[in-house]
């Protein structure tokens, strides 16, 4: 039975490895590559292909080592408030404009000044920009919370909504509100961060 299924294990492993070479995120690359190597190990055991087993076992160990390094790495996170009209911020928004529009369609950088604005620095590099309107009722209506692709491992979100919870509370924020989440990856991120989707399509998190 397993021998008959062996080709499918090979196809699945190959698919994981192909995807790992397509993604731009280093963490995603390691995970897809790990899954590919793991399935190839099972495939090699079934068909008794020792060279395939040896090669992918070694690669699997290498991937696990680098995943351990990624998750155990100590990084410096910092939150810097800004007005929103700084040249560096404007250049950042212009550079990532296309990707930003895929997560926040219709976003207009001219609407940033006058709101709660900050960037999240990760090892002194801008990893995220956040802007929200504070109407005074305890809500923070998010205009943009954009994280650069290479930093989309949930660490930035955890930093904002958990480690900087006191900062948000100091601004009178009781709830963080997204009117919608067009992008499926964005919706998945919000759910991981503890946001609840309402019947109206809003995503809300109580601070």
C-alpha atoms as a PDB file:
ATOM      1  CA  UNK A   1       0.000   0.000   0.000  1.00  0.00           C
ATOM      2  CA  UNK A   2       2.707   2.476   1.011  1.00  0.00           C
ATOM      3  CA  UNK A   3       4.774   1.515  -2.011  1.00  0.00           C
ATOM      4  CA  UNK A   4       1.849   2.415  -4.256  1.00  0.00           C
ATOM      5  CA  UNK A   5       1.560   5.803  -2.562  1.00  0.00           C
ATOM      6  CA  UNK A   6       5.292   6.473  -2.759  1.00  0.00           C
ATOM      7  CA  UNK A   7       5.145   8.518  -6.004  1.00  0.00           C
ATOM      8  CA  UNK A   8       2.662  10.890  -4.387  1.00  0.00           C
ATOM      9  CA  UNK A   9       5.056  11.444  -1.494  1.00  0.00           C
ATOM     10  CA  UNK A  10       7.711  12.311  -4.060  1.00  0.00           C
ATOM     11  CA  UNK A  11       5.412  14.765  -5.844  1.00  0.00           C
ATOM     12  CA  UNK A  12       4.404  16.393  -2.567  1.00  0.00           C
ATOM     13  CA  UNK A  13       8.017  16.734  -1.437  1.00  0.00           C
ATOM     14  CA  UNK A  14       8.971  18.254  -4.796  1.00  0.00           C
ATOM     15  CA  UNK A  15       6.071  20.720  -4.515  1.00  0.00           C
ATOM     16  CA  UNK A  16       7.254  21.889  -1.084  1.00  0.00           C
ATOM     17  CA  UNK A  17      10.787  22.399  -2.390  1.00  0.00           C
ATOM     18  CA  UNK A  18       9.535  24.322  -5.429  1.00  0.00           C
ATOM     19  CA  UNK A  19       7.434  26.613  -3.219  1.00  0.00           C
ATOM     20  CA  UNK A  20      10.436  27.187  -0.936  1.00  0.00           C
ATOM     21  CA  UNK A  21      12.351  28.569  -3.914  1.00  0.00           C
ATOM     22  CA  UNK A  22       9.490  30.866  -4.923  1.00  0.00           C
ATOM     23  CA  UNK A  23       8.752  32.595  -1.607  1.00  0.00           C
ATOM     24  CA  UNK A  24      10.719  35.730  -0.698  1.00  0.00           C
ATOM     25  CA  UNK A  25      10.459  35.347   3.058  1.00  0.00           C
ATOM     26  CA  UNK A  26      13.478  33.614   4.618  1.00  0.00           C
ATOM     27  CA  UNK A  27      11.413  32.017   7.365  1.00  0.00           C
ATOM     28  CA  UNK A  28       8.868  30.644   4.899  1.00  0.00           C
ATOM     29  CA  UNK A  29      11.712  29.294   2.785  1.00  0.00           C
ATOM     30  CA  UNK A  30      13.064  27.326   5.749  1.00  0.00           C
ATOM     31  CA  UNK A  31       9.658  25.914   6.702  1.00  0.00           C
ATOM     32  CA  UNK A  32       8.697  24.825   3.174  1.00  0.00           C
ATOM     33  CA  UNK A  33      12.165  23.381   2.647  1.00  0.00           C
ATOM     34  CA  UNK A  34      11.885  21.527   5.948  1.00  0.00           C
ATOM     35  CA  UNK A  35       8.529  20.015   4.979  1.00  0.00           C
ATOM     36  CA  UNK A  36       9.935  19.031   1.593  1.00  0.00           C
ATOM     37  CA  UNK A  37      12.953  17.310   3.121  1.00  0.00           C
ATOM     38  CA  UNK A  38      10.791  15.554   5.709  1.00  0.00           C
ATOM     39  CA  UNK A  39       8.444  14.139   3.064  1.00  0.00           C
ATOM     40  CA  UNK A  40      11.425  13.123   0.932  1.00  0.00           C
ATOM     41  CA  UNK A  41      12.815  11.233   3.943  1.00  0.00           C
ATOM     42  CA  UNK A  42       9.528   9.313   4.217  1.00  0.00           C
ATOM     43  CA  UNK A  43       9.575   8.739   0.462  1.00  0.00           C
ATOM     44  CA  UNK A  44      13.141   7.393   0.630  1.00  0.00           C
ATOM     45  CA  UNK A  45      12.270   5.046   3.482  1.00  0.00           C
ATOM     46  CA  UNK A  46       9.321   3.624   1.549  1.00  0.00           C
ATOM     47  CA  UNK A  47      11.268   2.979  -1.655  1.00  0.00           C
ATOM     48  CA  UNK A  48      14.475   2.170   0.250  1.00  0.00           C
ATOM     49  CA  UNK A  49      16.538   4.788  -1.563  1.00  0.00           C
ATOM     50  CA  UNK A  50      19.494   5.338   0.757  1.00  0.00           C
ATOM     51  CA  UNK A  51      21.144   8.228  -1.180  1.00  0.00           C
ATOM     52  CA  UNK A  52      17.859  10.184  -1.137  1.00  0.00           C
ATOM     53  CA  UNK A  53      17.417   9.378   2.551  1.00  0.00           C
ATOM     54  CA  UNK A  54      20.950  10.476   3.446  1.00  0.00           C
ATOM     55  CA  UNK A  55      20.832  13.723   1.462  1.00  0.00           C
ATOM     56  CA  UNK A  56      17.455  14.859   2.747  1.00  0.00           C
ATOM     57  CA  UNK A  57      18.207  13.832   6.326  1.00  0.00           C
ATOM     58  CA  UNK A  58      21.253  16.098   6.245  1.00  0.00           C
ATOM     59  CA  UNK A  59      19.257  18.933   4.660  1.00  0.00           C
ATOM     60  CA  UNK A  60      16.492  18.442   7.227  1.00  0.00           C
ATOM     61  CA  UNK A  61      19.008  18.833  10.061  1.00  0.00           C
ATOM     62  CA  UNK A  62      20.415  21.978   8.433  1.00  0.00           C
ATOM     63  CA  UNK A  63      16.940  23.492   8.126  1.00  0.00           C
ATOM     64  CA  UNK A  64      16.097  22.668  11.742  1.00  0.00           C
ATOM     65  CA  UNK A  65      19.360  24.294  12.839  1.00  0.00           C
ATOM     66  CA  UNK A  66      18.582  27.519  10.969  1.00  0.00           C
ATOM     67  CA  UNK A  67      14.986  27.553  12.188  1.00  0.00           C
ATOM     68  CA  UNK A  68      16.312  27.278  15.734  1.00  0.00           C
ATOM     69  CA  UNK A  69      18.657  30.213  15.065  1.00  0.00           C
ATOM     70  CA  UNK A  70      15.809  32.297  13.652  1.00  0.00           C
ATOM     71  CA  UNK A  71      13.462  31.692  16.572  1.00  0.00           C
ATOM     72  CA  UNK A  72      16.130  32.004  19.279  1.00  0.00           C
ATOM     73  CA  UNK A  73      17.758  35.129  17.831  1.00  0.00           C
ATOM     74  CA  UNK A  74      17.618  38.167  20.084  1.00  0.00           C
ATOM     75  CA  UNK A  75      16.540  41.232  18.134  1.00  0.00           C
ATOM     76  CA  UNK A  76      16.208  44.860  19.130  1.00  0.00           C
ATOM     77  CA  UNK A  77      12.694  46.223  18.687  1.00  0.00           C
ATOM     78  CA  UNK A  78      11.853  49.863  19.171  1.00  0.00           C
ATOM     79  CA  UNK A  79       8.817  52.047  18.574  1.00  0.00           C
ATOM     80  CA  UNK A  80       9.304  55.596  17.310  1.00  0.00           C
ATOM     81  CA  UNK A  81       6.429  58.047  17.055  1.00  0.00           C
ATOM     82  CA  UNK A  82       6.359  60.375  14.078  1.00  0.00           C
ATOM     83  CA  UNK A  83       4.277  63.044  12.406  1.00  0.00           C
ATOM     84  CA  UNK A  84       3.946  61.153   9.143  1.00  0.00           C
ATOM     85  CA  UNK A  85       5.315  63.836   6.853  1.00  0.00           C
ATOM     86  CA  UNK A  86       9.000  63.023   7.419  1.00  0.00           C
ATOM     87  CA  UNK A  87      10.985  62.451   4.205  1.00  0.00           C
ATOM     88  CA  UNK A  88      12.162  59.011   5.312  1.00  0.00           C
ATOM     89  CA  UNK A  89       8.580  57.907   5.982  1.00  0.00           C
ATOM     90  CA  UNK A  90       7.398  59.263   2.637  1.00  0.00           C
ATOM     91  CA  UNK A  91      10.214  57.429   0.827  1.00  0.00           C
ATOM     92  CA  UNK A  92       9.352  54.221   2.698  1.00  0.00           C
ATOM     93  CA  UNK A  93       5.696  54.489   1.690  1.00  0.00           C
ATOM     94  CA  UNK A  94       6.583  55.262  -1.921  1.00  0.00           C
ATOM     95  CA  UNK A  95       9.033  52.355  -2.157  1.00  0.00           C
ATOM     96  CA  UNK A  96       6.489  49.808  -0.868  1.00  0.00           C
ATOM     97  CA  UNK A  97       3.442  51.472  -2.447  1.00  0.00           C
ATOM     98  CA  UNK A  98       2.466  48.531  -4.646  1.00  0.00           C
ATOM     99  CA  UNK A  99       2.618  45.971  -1.826  1.00  0.00           C
ATOM    100  CA  UNK A 100       0.863  48.349   0.570  1.00  0.00           C
ATOM    101  CA  UNK A 101      -2.043  48.679  -1.865  1.00  0.00           C
ATOM    102  CA  UNK A 102      -2.467  44.896  -1.892  1.00  0.00           C
ATOM    103  CA  UNK A 103      -3.096  44.982   1.853  1.00  0.00           C
ATOM    104  CA  UNK A 104      -4.687  48.426   2.222  1.00  0.00           C
ATOM    105  CA  UNK A 105      -6.402  49.278  -1.098  1.00  0.00           C
ATOM    106  CA  UNK A 106      -6.949  52.973  -1.577  1.00  0.00           C
ATOM    107  CA  UNK A 107      -4.435  53.921   1.099  1.00  0.00           C
ATOM    108  CA  UNK A 108      -3.419  57.571   0.794  1.00  0.00           C
ATOM    109  CA  UNK A 109      -0.179  58.588   2.510  1.00  0.00           C
ATOM    110  CA  UNK A 110      -1.454  62.169   2.706  1.00  0.00           C
ATOM    111  CA  UNK A 111      -3.969  61.038   5.345  1.00  0.00           C
ATOM    112  CA  UNK A 112      -1.254  60.022   7.813  1.00  0.00           C
ATOM    113  CA  UNK A 113      -0.347  63.412   9.396  1.00  0.00           C
ATOM    114  CA  UNK A 114      -2.421  64.320  12.453  1.00  0.00           C
ATOM    115  CA  UNK A 115      -3.073  60.754  13.602  1.00  0.00           C
ATOM    116  CA  UNK A 116      -1.331  58.253  15.874  1.00  0.00           C
ATOM    117  CA  UNK A 117       1.717  57.370  13.818  1.00  0.00           C
ATOM    118  CA  UNK A 118       4.790  55.310  14.558  1.00  0.00           C
ATOM    119  CA  UNK A 119       7.307  53.006  12.981  1.00  0.00           C
ATOM    120  CA  UNK A 120       8.629  49.793  14.469  1.00  0.00           C
ATOM    121  CA  UNK A 121      12.389  49.459  14.195  1.00  0.00           C
ATOM    122  CA  UNK A 122      13.867  45.981  14.082  1.00  0.00           C
ATOM    123  CA  UNK A 123      17.620  45.995  14.586  1.00  0.00           C
ATOM    124  CA  UNK A 124      17.558  49.666  13.520  1.00  0.00           C
ATOM    125  CA  UNK A 125      15.738  48.913  10.244  1.00  0.00           C
ATOM    126  CA  UNK A 126      12.174  50.103   9.586  1.00  0.00           C
ATOM    127  CA  UNK A 127      10.117  46.920   9.711  1.00  0.00           C
ATOM    128  CA  UNK A 128       6.629  48.386  10.085  1.00  0.00           C
ATOM    129  CA  UNK A 129       4.618  51.567   9.812  1.00  0.00           C
ATOM    130  CA  UNK A 130       1.433  52.076  11.790  1.00  0.00           C
ATOM    131  CA  UNK A 131      -1.185  54.795  11.550  1.00  0.00           C
ATOM    132  CA  UNK A 132      -4.561  54.982  13.262  1.00  0.00           C
ATOM    133  CA  UNK A 133      -7.269  57.589  13.741  1.00  0.00           C
ATOM    134  CA  UNK A 134      -8.239  58.179  17.385  1.00  0.00           C
ATOM    135  CA  UNK A 135     -11.819  59.512  17.425  1.00  0.00           C
ATOM    136  CA  UNK A 136     -11.791  59.843  21.228  1.00  0.00           C
ATOM    137  CA  UNK A 137     -14.116  56.957  22.078  1.00  0.00           C
ATOM    138  CA  UNK A 138     -11.341  54.523  22.992  1.00  0.00           C
ATOM    139  CA  UNK A 139     -11.032  53.085  19.491  1.00  0.00           C
ATOM    140  CA  UNK A 140      -8.000  53.188  17.249  1.00  0.00           C
ATOM    141  CA  UNK A 141      -9.253  52.945  13.678  1.00  0.00           C
ATOM    142  CA  UNK A 142      -6.310  51.598  11.725  1.00  0.00           C
ATOM    143  CA  UNK A 143      -5.450  53.285   8.434  1.00  0.00           C
ATOM    144  CA  UNK A 144      -2.322  51.233   7.870  1.00  0.00           C
ATOM    145  CA  UNK A 145      -0.328  48.653   9.773  1.00  0.00           C
ATOM    146  CA  UNK A 146       2.141  47.522   7.144  1.00  0.00           C
ATOM    147  CA  UNK A 147       5.075  45.204   7.784  1.00  0.00           C
ATOM    148  CA  UNK A 148       7.863  44.670   5.267  1.00  0.00           C
ATOM    149  CA  UNK A 149       7.653  41.164   3.778  1.00  0.00           C
ATOM    150  CA  UNK A 150      10.934  39.862   5.220  1.00  0.00           C
ATOM    151  CA  UNK A 151       9.684  40.658   8.742  1.00  0.00           C
ATOM    152  CA  UNK A 152       6.278  38.948   8.519  1.00  0.00           C
ATOM    153  CA  UNK A 153       6.899  36.341  11.190  1.00  0.00           C
ATOM    154  CA  UNK A 154       4.375  37.778  13.702  1.00  0.00           C
ATOM    155  CA  UNK A 155       7.134  39.239  15.895  1.00  0.00           C
ATOM    156  CA  UNK A 156       6.272  42.812  14.905  1.00  0.00           C
ATOM    157  CA  UNK A 157       2.574  42.256  15.627  1.00  0.00           C
ATOM    158  CA  UNK A 158       3.384  40.699  18.990  1.00  0.00           C
ATOM    159  CA  UNK A 159       5.615  43.671  19.795  1.00  0.00           C
ATOM    160  CA  UNK A 160       2.893  46.216  18.972  1.00  0.00           C
ATOM    161  CA  UNK A 161      -0.120  44.556  20.543  1.00  0.00           C
ATOM    162  CA  UNK A 162       1.501  42.846  23.523  1.00  0.00           C
ATOM    163  CA  UNK A 163       4.860  44.352  24.473  1.00  0.00           C
ATOM    164  CA  UNK A 164       3.724  47.903  23.666  1.00  0.00           C
ATOM    165  CA  UNK A 165       0.273  47.457  25.203  1.00  0.00           C
ATOM    166  CA  UNK A 166       1.081  50.100  27.853  1.00  0.00           C
ATOM    167  CA  UNK A 167       1.930  52.581  25.098  1.00  0.00           C
ATOM    168  CA  UNK A 168      -1.410  51.995  23.375  1.00  0.00           C
ATOM    169  CA  UNK A 169      -3.273  52.349  26.661  1.00  0.00           C
ATOM    170  CA  UNK A 170      -1.426  55.609  27.367  1.00  0.00           C
ATOM    171  CA  UNK A 171      -2.975  56.963  24.171  1.00  0.00           C
ATOM    172  CA  UNK A 172      -6.454  56.204  25.506  1.00  0.00           C
ATOM    173  CA  UNK A 173      -6.864  53.195  23.249  1.00  0.00           C
ATOM    174  CA  UNK A 174      -9.177  50.446  24.454  1.00  0.00           C
ATOM    175  CA  UNK A 175      -9.818  48.727  21.137  1.00  0.00           C
ATOM    176  CA  UNK A 176      -7.905  48.439  17.876  1.00  0.00           C
ATOM    177  CA  UNK A 177     -10.278  48.336  14.928  1.00  0.00           C
ATOM    178  CA  UNK A 178      -9.812  47.395  11.261  1.00  0.00           C
ATOM    179  CA  UNK A 179     -12.808  48.233   9.096  1.00  0.00           C
ATOM    180  CA  UNK A 180     -11.939  45.322   6.813  1.00  0.00           C
ATOM    181  CA  UNK A 181      -9.171  42.955   5.765  1.00  0.00           C
ATOM    182  CA  UNK A 182      -9.168  42.544   1.993  1.00  0.00           C
ATOM    183  CA  UNK A 183      -6.015  40.445   1.807  1.00  0.00           C
ATOM    184  CA  UNK A 184      -6.395  36.844   3.061  1.00  0.00           C
ATOM    185  CA  UNK A 185      -2.880  36.867   4.532  1.00  0.00           C
ATOM    186  CA  UNK A 186      -3.739  40.024   6.427  1.00  0.00           C
ATOM    187  CA  UNK A 187      -6.939  38.459   7.769  1.00  0.00           C
ATOM    188  CA  UNK A 188      -4.964  35.408   8.900  1.00  0.00           C
ATOM    189  CA  UNK A 189      -2.448  37.679  10.652  1.00  0.00           C
ATOM    190  CA  UNK A 190      -5.211  39.496  12.530  1.00  0.00           C
ATOM    191  CA  UNK A 191      -6.697  36.221  13.738  1.00  0.00           C
ATOM    192  CA  UNK A 192      -3.304  35.073  15.017  1.00  0.00           C
ATOM    193  CA  UNK A 193      -2.963  38.406  16.837  1.00  0.00           C
ATOM    194  CA  UNK A 194      -6.261  37.803  18.647  1.00  0.00           C
ATOM    195  CA  UNK A 195      -8.607  39.974  16.597  1.00  0.00           C
ATOM    196  CA  UNK A 196     -12.254  38.945  16.339  1.00  0.00           C
ATOM    197  CA  UNK A 197     -14.179  39.350  13.100  1.00  0.00           C
ATOM    198  CA  UNK A 198     -17.621  40.914  13.484  1.00  0.00           C
ATOM    199  CA  UNK A 199     -20.674  40.200  11.277  1.00  0.00           C
ATOM    200  CA  UNK A 200     -19.989  43.577   9.609  1.00  0.00           C
ATOM    201  CA  UNK A 201     -16.542  42.399   8.516  1.00  0.00           C
ATOM    202  CA  UNK A 202     -14.598  44.465  11.041  1.00  0.00           C
ATOM    203  CA  UNK A 203     -11.673  43.040  12.987  1.00  0.00           C
ATOM    204  CA  UNK A 204     -11.513  44.149  16.609  1.00  0.00           C
ATOM    205  CA  UNK A 205      -9.039  43.541  19.408  1.00  0.00           C
ATOM    206  CA  UNK A 206      -9.547  44.723  22.972  1.00  0.00           C
ATOM    207  CA  UNK A 207      -6.379  46.040  24.533  1.00  0.00           C
END
